[in-house]
Amino acid sequence: MTAFSLVYTLHVLSALVWVGGMFFAWMVLRPAAMKALDGPGRLKLWVEVFQGFFRWVWVAVVLLPISGVGMIHLQFAGFEAAPRYVQVMMGLYVVMTALFIRIQALLLPELRTAVTAQDWPAGAATLGKIRRLVGINLIVGLVLVAIAAARPMF
């Protein structure tokens, strides 16, 4: 395995975990939870889901720029020689990370507090905010993946 293939594999797996996890949560878990659980049960479920999923997102948040910079240096001999799509991908990564940090640092503690206090209306309102931001982040992530898939290979 070459250095580039190792770095590329880490990069793709990190993106897969993050974007794929959001896709699963939005398209599969959310509708199933709506059918199977009452409001308080759903809120409790999401607190647990976010805690577990966000650990993996943090791994992706760290590995994506490290592996991305590694690929830039291995493939393009530096940032100056990198094509425009690489710069666009870096910008979209920053947007995704900012949205994730907003959810992790501001909204998840708010959701946890509401669930602990059994303030179900406040919890539902906070979960709605999280759902919207995750939906936006999912769209940004899918666009980023489409850009990566459409680029010329090596």
N, C-alpha and C. Protein backbone atom coordinates (compact mmCIF):
# COMPACT_ATOMS: atom_id res chain seq x y z
N MET A 1 0.85 -1.18 0.00
CA MET A 1 0.00 0.00 0.00
C MET A 1 0.90 1.24 0.00
N THR A 2 0.66 2.13 -0.92
CA THR A 2 1.45 3.35 -1.00
C THR A 2 0.98 4.34 0.07
N ALA A 3 1.81 5.35 0.32
CA ALA A 3 1.44 6.39 1.29
C ALA A 3 0.16 7.08 0.83
N PHE A 4 0.07 7.36 -0.47
CA PHE A 4 -1.12 8.05 -0.97
C PHE A 4 -2.37 7.21 -0.78
N SER A 5 -2.30 5.92 -1.08
CA SER A 5 -3.49 5.08 -0.96
C SER A 5 -3.93 4.95 0.50
N LEU A 6 -2.99 4.93 1.42
CA LEU A 6 -3.34 4.88 2.84
C LEU A 6 -4.04 6.17 3.27
N VAL A 7 -3.48 7.30 2.89
CA VAL A 7 -4.07 8.60 3.24
C VAL A 7 -5.44 8.75 2.57
N TYR A 8 -5.54 8.36 1.32
CA TYR A 8 -6.80 8.45 0.58
C TYR A 8 -7.87 7.57 1.23
N THR A 9 -7.49 6.37 1.64
CA THR A 9 -8.43 5.46 2.30
C THR A 9 -8.94 6.06 3.61
N LEU A 10 -8.05 6.63 4.42
CA LEU A 10 -8.47 7.28 5.66
C LEU A 10 -9.43 8.43 5.38
N HIS A 11 -9.14 9.17 4.33
CA HIS A 11 -9.97 10.31 3.95
C HIS A 11 -11.38 9.85 3.55
N VAL A 12 -11.45 8.87 2.69
CA VAL A 12 -12.75 8.37 2.21
C VAL A 12 -13.54 7.75 3.37
N LEU A 13 -12.89 6.98 4.20
CA LEU A 13 -13.59 6.35 5.33
C LEU A 13 -14.11 7.41 6.31
N SER A 14 -13.34 8.45 6.55
CA SER A 14 -13.79 9.53 7.43
C SER A 14 -15.02 10.21 6.87
N ALA A 15 -15.00 10.52 5.58
CA ALA A 15 -16.15 11.16 4.94
C ALA A 15 -17.36 10.22 4.96
N LEU A 16 -17.12 8.94 4.73
CA LEU A 16 -18.20 7.96 4.74
C LEU A 16 -18.88 7.89 6.10
N VAL A 17 -18.09 7.87 7.16
CA VAL A 17 -18.65 7.81 8.51
C VAL A 17 -19.51 9.04 8.78
N TRP A 18 -19.00 10.22 8.45
CA TRP A 18 -19.72 11.46 8.77
C TRP A 18 -20.97 11.63 7.90
N VAL A 19 -20.78 11.63 6.60
CA VAL A 19 -21.91 11.87 5.70
C VAL A 19 -22.88 10.69 5.71
N GLY A 20 -22.35 9.48 5.72
CA GLY A 20 -23.21 8.30 5.77
C GLY A 20 -24.00 8.23 7.07
N GLY A 21 -23.38 8.63 8.16
CA GLY A 21 -24.08 8.64 9.44
C GLY A 21 -25.24 9.64 9.44
N MET A 22 -25.00 10.81 8.86
CA MET A 22 -26.08 11.80 8.76
C MET A 22 -27.20 11.28 7.86
N PHE A 23 -26.82 10.66 6.75
CA PHE A 23 -27.83 10.12 5.84
C PHE A 23 -28.69 9.08 6.55
N PHE A 24 -28.04 8.16 7.25
CA PHE A 24 -28.78 7.12 7.99
C PHE A 24 -29.70 7.76 9.03
N ALA A 25 -29.18 8.72 9.80
CA ALA A 25 -29.98 9.34 10.85
C ALA A 25 -31.19 10.06 10.27
N TRP A 26 -30.97 10.79 9.18
CA TRP A 26 -32.05 11.60 8.59
C TRP A 26 -33.07 10.74 7.85
N MET A 27 -32.60 9.80 7.05
CA MET A 27 -33.47 9.05 6.15
C MET A 27 -34.05 7.77 6.75
N VAL A 28 -33.39 7.20 7.76
CA VAL A 28 -33.84 5.91 8.29
C VAL A 28 -34.22 6.00 9.77
N LEU A 29 -33.29 6.45 10.61
CA LEU A 29 -33.53 6.45 12.05
C LEU A 29 -34.63 7.42 12.46
N ARG A 30 -34.60 8.63 11.92
CA ARG A 30 -35.61 9.63 12.28
C ARG A 30 -37.03 9.16 11.96
N PRO A 31 -37.30 8.71 10.73
CA PRO A 31 -38.67 8.23 10.45
C PRO A 31 -39.08 7.03 11.32
N ALA A 32 -38.13 6.14 11.57
CA ALA A 32 -38.45 4.97 12.41
C ALA A 32 -38.76 5.40 13.84
N ALA A 33 -37.98 6.34 14.37
CA ALA A 33 -38.22 6.82 15.73
C ALA A 33 -39.56 7.53 15.82
N MET A 34 -39.93 8.25 14.77
CA MET A 34 -41.23 8.95 14.77
C MET A 34 -42.38 7.94 14.86
N LYS A 35 -42.25 6.81 14.20
CA LYS A 35 -43.30 5.80 14.21
C LYS A 35 -43.32 4.99 15.50
N ALA A 36 -42.14 4.69 16.03
CA ALA A 36 -42.06 3.71 17.12
C ALA A 36 -42.08 4.31 18.52
N LEU A 37 -41.73 5.59 18.66
CA LEU A 37 -41.57 6.15 20.00
C LEU A 37 -42.44 7.38 20.21
N ASP A 38 -42.83 7.58 21.46
CA ASP A 38 -43.53 8.81 21.81
C ASP A 38 -42.51 9.95 21.92
N GLY A 39 -42.99 11.17 22.10
CA GLY A 39 -42.11 12.34 22.15
C GLY A 39 -40.96 12.23 23.14
N PRO A 40 -41.23 11.96 24.42
CA PRO A 40 -40.13 11.83 25.38
C PRO A 40 -39.15 10.71 25.02
N GLY A 41 -39.67 9.60 24.54
CA GLY A 41 -38.80 8.49 24.14
C GLY A 41 -37.88 8.88 22.99
N ARG A 42 -38.43 9.61 22.02
CA ARG A 42 -37.61 10.07 20.89
C ARG A 42 -36.51 11.01 21.36
N LEU A 43 -36.86 11.93 22.24
CA LEU A 43 -35.85 12.89 22.73
C LEU A 43 -34.74 12.17 23.48
N LYS A 44 -35.09 11.21 24.31
CA LYS A 44 -34.08 10.43 25.03
C LYS A 44 -33.20 9.65 24.06
N LEU A 45 -33.83 9.06 23.05
CA LEU A 45 -33.08 8.31 22.04
C LEU A 45 -32.07 9.22 21.35
N TRP A 46 -32.50 10.42 20.92
CA TRP A 46 -31.59 11.31 20.19
C TRP A 46 -30.43 11.80 21.03
N VAL A 47 -30.65 12.02 22.32
CA VAL A 47 -29.53 12.40 23.19
C VAL A 47 -28.47 11.31 23.15
N GLU A 48 -28.88 10.05 23.24
CA GLU A 48 -27.93 8.93 23.21
C GLU A 48 -27.29 8.76 21.83
N VAL A 49 -28.11 8.89 20.79
CA VAL A 49 -27.59 8.74 19.43
C VAL A 49 -26.54 9.79 19.15
N PHE A 50 -26.83 11.05 19.48
CA PHE A 50 -25.88 12.12 19.21
C PHE A 50 -24.58 11.92 19.97
N GLN A 51 -24.66 11.51 21.23
CA GLN A 51 -23.44 11.27 21.99
C GLN A 51 -22.55 10.25 21.31
N GLY A 52 -23.12 9.14 20.89
CA GLY A 52 -22.32 8.11 20.24
C GLY A 52 -21.84 8.52 18.86
N PHE A 53 -22.72 9.09 18.06
CA PHE A 53 -22.35 9.48 16.70
C PHE A 53 -21.32 10.61 16.69
N PHE A 54 -21.46 11.57 17.59
CA PHE A 54 -20.55 12.72 17.59
C PHE A 54 -19.12 12.33 17.94
N ARG A 55 -18.93 11.26 18.69
CA ARG A 55 -17.56 10.78 18.93
C ARG A 55 -16.90 10.43 17.59
N TRP A 56 -17.65 9.76 16.73
CA TRP A 56 -17.13 9.37 15.43
C TRP A 56 -16.97 10.57 14.50
N VAL A 57 -17.88 11.53 14.62
CA VAL A 57 -17.75 12.74 13.80
C VAL A 57 -16.48 13.48 14.19
N TRP A 58 -16.16 13.54 15.47
CA TRP A 58 -14.91 14.20 15.87
C TRP A 58 -13.69 13.51 15.26
N VAL A 59 -13.72 12.19 15.18
CA VAL A 59 -12.62 11.48 14.51
C VAL A 59 -12.53 11.94 13.06
N ALA A 60 -13.67 12.04 12.38
CA ALA A 60 -13.69 12.50 10.99
C ALA A 60 -13.22 13.94 10.88
N VAL A 61 -13.67 14.79 11.80
CA VAL A 61 -13.29 16.21 11.77
C VAL A 61 -11.77 16.36 11.87
N VAL A 62 -11.14 15.49 12.63
CA VAL A 62 -9.68 15.54 12.78
C VAL A 62 -8.98 14.89 11.58
N LEU A 63 -9.46 13.72 11.17
CA LEU A 63 -8.77 12.98 10.10
C LEU A 63 -8.93 13.60 8.71
N LEU A 64 -10.07 14.22 8.43
CA LEU A 64 -10.29 14.78 7.09
C LEU A 64 -9.26 15.84 6.71
N PRO A 65 -9.01 16.85 7.54
CA PRO A 65 -8.00 17.82 7.12
C PRO A 65 -6.58 17.26 7.11
N ILE A 66 -6.29 16.35 8.04
CA ILE A 66 -4.95 15.75 8.06
C ILE A 66 -4.73 14.94 6.79
N SER A 67 -5.68 14.09 6.46
CA SER A 67 -5.54 13.27 5.26
C SER A 67 -5.65 14.13 4.00
N GLY A 68 -6.51 15.16 4.03
CA GLY A 68 -6.65 16.05 2.87
C GLY A 68 -5.36 16.79 2.58
N VAL A 69 -4.74 17.33 3.60
CA VAL A 69 -3.45 18.02 3.41
C VAL A 69 -2.39 17.02 2.95
N GLY A 70 -2.43 15.82 3.51
CA GLY A 70 -1.49 14.78 3.07
C GLY A 70 -1.64 14.48 1.59
N MET A 71 -2.89 14.34 1.13
CA MET A 71 -3.11 14.07 -0.30
C MET A 71 -2.67 15.24 -1.16
N ILE A 72 -2.91 16.45 -0.70
CA ILE A 72 -2.49 17.64 -1.46
C ILE A 72 -0.98 17.62 -1.65
N HIS A 73 -0.26 17.32 -0.59
CA HIS A 73 1.20 17.32 -0.70
C HIS A 73 1.73 16.12 -1.49
N LEU A 74 1.05 15.00 -1.39
CA LEU A 74 1.51 13.82 -2.14
C LEU A 74 1.13 13.89 -3.61
N GLN A 75 -0.02 14.49 -3.92
CA GLN A 75 -0.51 14.48 -5.30
C GLN A 75 -0.18 15.76 -6.07
N PHE A 76 -0.23 16.90 -5.39
CA PHE A 76 -0.09 18.17 -6.09
C PHE A 76 1.14 18.96 -5.70
N ALA A 77 1.96 18.43 -4.82
CA ALA A 77 3.17 19.11 -4.37
C ALA A 77 2.85 20.45 -3.72
N GLY A 78 1.74 20.54 -2.99
CA GLY A 78 1.42 21.75 -2.23
C GLY A 78 0.11 22.40 -2.63
N PHE A 79 -0.31 23.36 -1.80
CA PHE A 79 -1.58 24.04 -2.00
C PHE A 79 -1.62 24.85 -3.28
N GLU A 80 -0.49 25.45 -3.65
CA GLU A 80 -0.47 26.31 -4.84
C GLU A 80 -0.81 25.54 -6.11
N ALA A 81 -0.45 24.29 -6.16
CA ALA A 81 -0.67 23.47 -7.35
C ALA A 81 -2.01 22.72 -7.32
N ALA A 82 -2.71 22.78 -6.21
CA ALA A 82 -3.98 22.05 -6.09
C ALA A 82 -5.05 22.69 -6.96
N PRO A 83 -5.87 21.89 -7.63
CA PRO A 83 -6.93 22.44 -8.48
C PRO A 83 -8.06 23.09 -7.66
N ARG A 84 -8.90 23.84 -8.35
CA ARG A 84 -9.99 24.60 -7.72
C ARG A 84 -10.93 23.70 -6.92
N TYR A 85 -11.24 22.49 -7.42
CA TYR A 85 -12.19 21.64 -6.70
C TYR A 85 -11.67 21.30 -5.31
N VAL A 86 -10.36 21.23 -5.13
CA VAL A 86 -9.79 20.95 -3.81
C VAL A 86 -10.07 22.12 -2.87
N GLN A 87 -9.94 23.32 -3.38
CA GLN A 87 -10.24 24.51 -2.56
C GLN A 87 -11.72 24.56 -2.19
N VAL A 88 -12.58 24.22 -3.13
CA VAL A 88 -14.02 24.18 -2.86
C VAL A 88 -14.31 23.13 -1.79
N MET A 89 -13.69 21.97 -1.90
CA MET A 89 -13.90 20.92 -0.91
C MET A 89 -13.44 21.37 0.48
N MET A 90 -12.32 22.09 0.53
CA MET A 90 -11.84 22.59 1.81
C MET A 90 -12.83 23.59 2.41
N GLY A 91 -13.39 24.45 1.57
CA GLY A 91 -14.38 25.41 2.05
C GLY A 91 -15.64 24.74 2.57
N LEU A 92 -16.10 23.73 1.85
CA LEU A 92 -17.30 23.00 2.30
C LEU A 92 -17.03 22.24 3.60
N TYR A 93 -15.80 21.74 3.76
CA TYR A 93 -15.43 21.09 5.03
C TYR A 93 -15.55 22.09 6.19
N VAL A 94 -15.09 23.31 5.97
CA VAL A 94 -15.17 24.34 7.01
C VAL A 94 -16.63 24.62 7.36
N VAL A 95 -17.50 24.71 6.36
CA VAL A 95 -18.93 24.93 6.60
C VAL A 95 -19.51 23.76 7.41
N MET A 96 -19.21 22.54 7.00
CA MET A 96 -19.73 21.37 7.71
C MET A 96 -19.25 21.33 9.15
N THR A 97 -17.98 21.64 9.35
CA THR A 97 -17.42 21.61 10.70
C THR A 97 -18.06 22.69 11.57
N ALA A 98 -18.27 23.87 11.01
CA ALA A 98 -18.91 24.95 11.78
C ALA A 98 -20.33 24.56 12.19
N LEU A 99 -21.08 23.97 11.29
CA LEU A 99 -22.43 23.52 11.62
C LEU A 99 -22.40 22.43 12.70
N PHE A 100 -21.48 21.50 12.56
CA PHE A 100 -21.35 20.43 13.54
C PHE A 100 -21.01 20.99 14.92
N ILE A 101 -20.05 21.91 14.97
CA ILE A 101 -19.65 22.48 16.26
C ILE A 101 -20.81 23.26 16.88
N ARG A 102 -21.59 23.94 16.06
CA ARG A 102 -22.77 24.64 16.58
C ARG A 102 -23.73 23.65 17.24
N ILE A 103 -23.96 22.53 16.58
CA ILE A 103 -24.85 21.51 17.16
C ILE A 103 -24.24 20.94 18.43
N GLN A 104 -22.98 20.54 18.36
CA GLN A 104 -22.31 19.89 19.48
C GLN A 104 -22.18 20.82 20.69
N ALA A 105 -21.76 22.04 20.47
CA ALA A 105 -21.44 22.93 21.58
C ALA A 105 -22.65 23.69 22.12
N LEU A 106 -23.62 24.00 21.27
CA LEU A 106 -24.73 24.84 21.71
C LEU A 106 -26.04 24.08 21.85
N LEU A 107 -26.40 23.32 20.83
CA LEU A 107 -27.73 22.71 20.82
C LEU A 107 -27.80 21.40 21.59
N LEU A 108 -26.78 20.57 21.52
CA LEU A 108 -26.84 19.30 22.25
C LEU A 108 -26.92 19.52 23.76
N PRO A 109 -26.13 20.43 24.35
CA PRO A 109 -26.32 20.69 25.79
C PRO A 109 -27.72 21.19 26.12
N GLU A 110 -28.28 22.00 25.23
CA GLU A 110 -29.65 22.50 25.42
C GLU A 110 -30.65 21.34 25.39
N LEU A 111 -30.45 20.40 24.46
CA LEU A 111 -31.32 19.23 24.38
C LEU A 111 -31.18 18.37 25.63
N ARG A 112 -29.94 18.14 26.05
CA ARG A 112 -29.70 17.34 27.25
C ARG A 112 -30.38 17.96 28.48
N THR A 113 -30.24 19.27 28.62
CA THR A 113 -30.86 19.97 29.75
C THR A 113 -32.38 19.81 29.72
N ALA A 114 -32.97 19.98 28.56
CA ALA A 114 -34.43 19.85 28.44
C ALA A 114 -34.88 18.43 28.77
N VAL A 115 -34.16 17.43 28.30
CA VAL A 115 -34.53 16.04 28.57
C VAL A 115 -34.37 15.73 30.06
N THR A 116 -33.28 16.18 30.66
CA THR A 116 -33.07 15.95 32.09
C THR A 116 -34.17 16.59 32.92
N ALA A 117 -34.60 17.79 32.52
CA ALA A 117 -35.67 18.50 33.23
C ALA A 117 -37.06 18.01 32.83
N GLN A 118 -37.11 17.08 31.89
CA GLN A 118 -38.37 16.58 31.34
C GLN A 118 -39.23 17.71 30.78
N ASP A 119 -38.54 18.70 30.20
CA ASP A 119 -39.22 19.81 29.53
C ASP A 119 -39.35 19.41 28.06
N TRP A 120 -40.36 18.60 27.78
CA TRP A 120 -40.51 18.00 26.46
C TRP A 120 -40.75 19.03 25.35
N PRO A 121 -41.54 20.08 25.57
CA PRO A 121 -41.70 21.07 24.50
C PRO A 121 -40.38 21.77 24.14
N ALA A 122 -39.59 22.13 25.15
CA ALA A 122 -38.29 22.76 24.88
C ALA A 122 -37.36 21.78 24.18
N GLY A 123 -37.38 20.53 24.61
CA GLY A 123 -36.56 19.50 23.97
C GLY A 123 -36.94 19.30 22.52
N ALA A 124 -38.26 19.28 22.26
CA ALA A 124 -38.72 19.10 20.88
C ALA A 124 -38.31 20.29 20.01
N ALA A 125 -38.39 21.49 20.56
CA ALA A 125 -37.97 22.67 19.79
C ALA A 125 -36.48 22.62 19.48
N THR A 126 -35.68 22.22 20.45
CA THR A 126 -34.23 22.11 20.24
C THR A 126 -33.92 21.01 19.24
N LEU A 127 -34.59 19.88 19.35
CA LEU A 127 -34.37 18.80 18.40
C LEU A 127 -34.73 19.25 16.98
N GLY A 128 -35.76 20.05 16.85
CA GLY A 128 -36.12 20.59 15.54
C GLY A 128 -35.00 21.45 14.96
N LYS A 129 -34.36 22.26 15.79
CA LYS A 129 -33.22 23.08 15.33
C LYS A 129 -32.06 22.18 14.90
N ILE A 130 -31.80 21.15 15.71
CA ILE A 130 -30.72 20.21 15.37
C ILE A 130 -31.03 19.52 14.05
N ARG A 131 -32.29 19.08 13.90
CA ARG A 131 -32.69 18.38 12.67
C ARG A 131 -32.45 19.25 11.44
N ARG A 132 -32.80 20.53 11.53
CA ARG A 132 -32.59 21.43 10.39
C ARG A 132 -31.11 21.58 10.05
N LEU A 133 -30.29 21.76 11.08
CA LEU A 133 -28.85 21.93 10.84
C LEU A 133 -28.22 20.64 10.31
N VAL A 134 -28.65 19.51 10.82
CA VAL A 134 -28.15 18.23 10.29
C VAL A 134 -28.59 18.07 8.83
N GLY A 135 -29.81 18.46 8.52
CA GLY A 135 -30.28 18.40 7.13
C GLY A 135 -29.44 19.26 6.21
N ILE A 136 -29.13 20.48 6.65
CA ILE A 136 -28.27 21.36 5.86
C ILE A 136 -26.89 20.74 5.72
N ASN A 137 -26.37 20.22 6.83
CA ASN A 137 -25.03 19.61 6.78
C ASN A 137 -25.02 18.38 5.87
N LEU A 138 -26.09 17.63 5.88
CA LEU A 138 -26.19 16.47 4.99
C LEU A 138 -26.14 16.91 3.53
N ILE A 139 -26.87 17.95 3.20
CA ILE A 139 -26.86 18.45 1.81
C ILE A 139 -25.46 18.93 1.43
N VAL A 140 -24.82 19.69 2.31
CA VAL A 140 -23.45 20.15 2.03
C VAL A 140 -22.53 18.95 1.86
N GLY A 141 -22.67 17.95 2.74
CA GLY A 141 -21.82 16.75 2.64
C GLY A 141 -22.05 15.98 1.35
N LEU A 142 -23.29 15.87 0.93
CA LEU A 142 -23.58 15.16 -0.33
C LEU A 142 -23.02 15.93 -1.53
N VAL A 143 -23.11 17.26 -1.49
CA VAL A 143 -22.50 18.07 -2.55
C VAL A 143 -20.99 17.86 -2.57
N LEU A 144 -20.39 17.85 -1.39
CA LEU A 144 -18.94 17.64 -1.30
C LEU A 144 -18.56 16.27 -1.87
N VAL A 145 -19.30 15.25 -1.52
CA VAL A 145 -19.03 13.90 -2.05
C VAL A 145 -19.20 13.88 -3.57
N ALA A 146 -20.22 14.57 -4.08
CA ALA A 146 -20.43 14.61 -5.52
C ALA A 146 -19.26 15.31 -6.22
N ILE A 147 -18.75 16.36 -5.64
CA ILE A 147 -17.58 17.06 -6.20
C ILE A 147 -16.39 16.11 -6.22
N ALA A 148 -16.19 15.41 -5.12
CA ALA A 148 -15.05 14.47 -5.04
C ALA A 148 -15.19 13.35 -6.07
N ALA A 149 -16.42 12.85 -6.25
CA ALA A 149 -16.64 11.74 -7.19
C ALA A 149 -16.50 12.20 -8.63
N ALA A 150 -16.82 13.45 -8.91
CA ALA A 150 -16.81 13.94 -10.29
C ALA A 150 -15.43 14.43 -10.73
N ARG A 151 -14.51 14.59 -9.81
CA ARG A 151 -13.18 15.12 -10.17
C ARG A 151 -12.40 14.10 -10.97
N PRO A 152 -11.41 14.57 -11.71
CA PRO A 152 -10.56 13.62 -12.43
C PRO A 152 -9.76 12.78 -11.44
N MET A 153 -9.66 11.53 -11.69
CA MET A 153 -8.91 10.64 -10.79
C MET A 153 -7.42 10.82 -11.01
N PHE A 154 -6.76 11.06 -9.95
CA PHE A 154 -5.30 11.17 -9.87
C PHE A 154 -4.79 11.86 -11.08
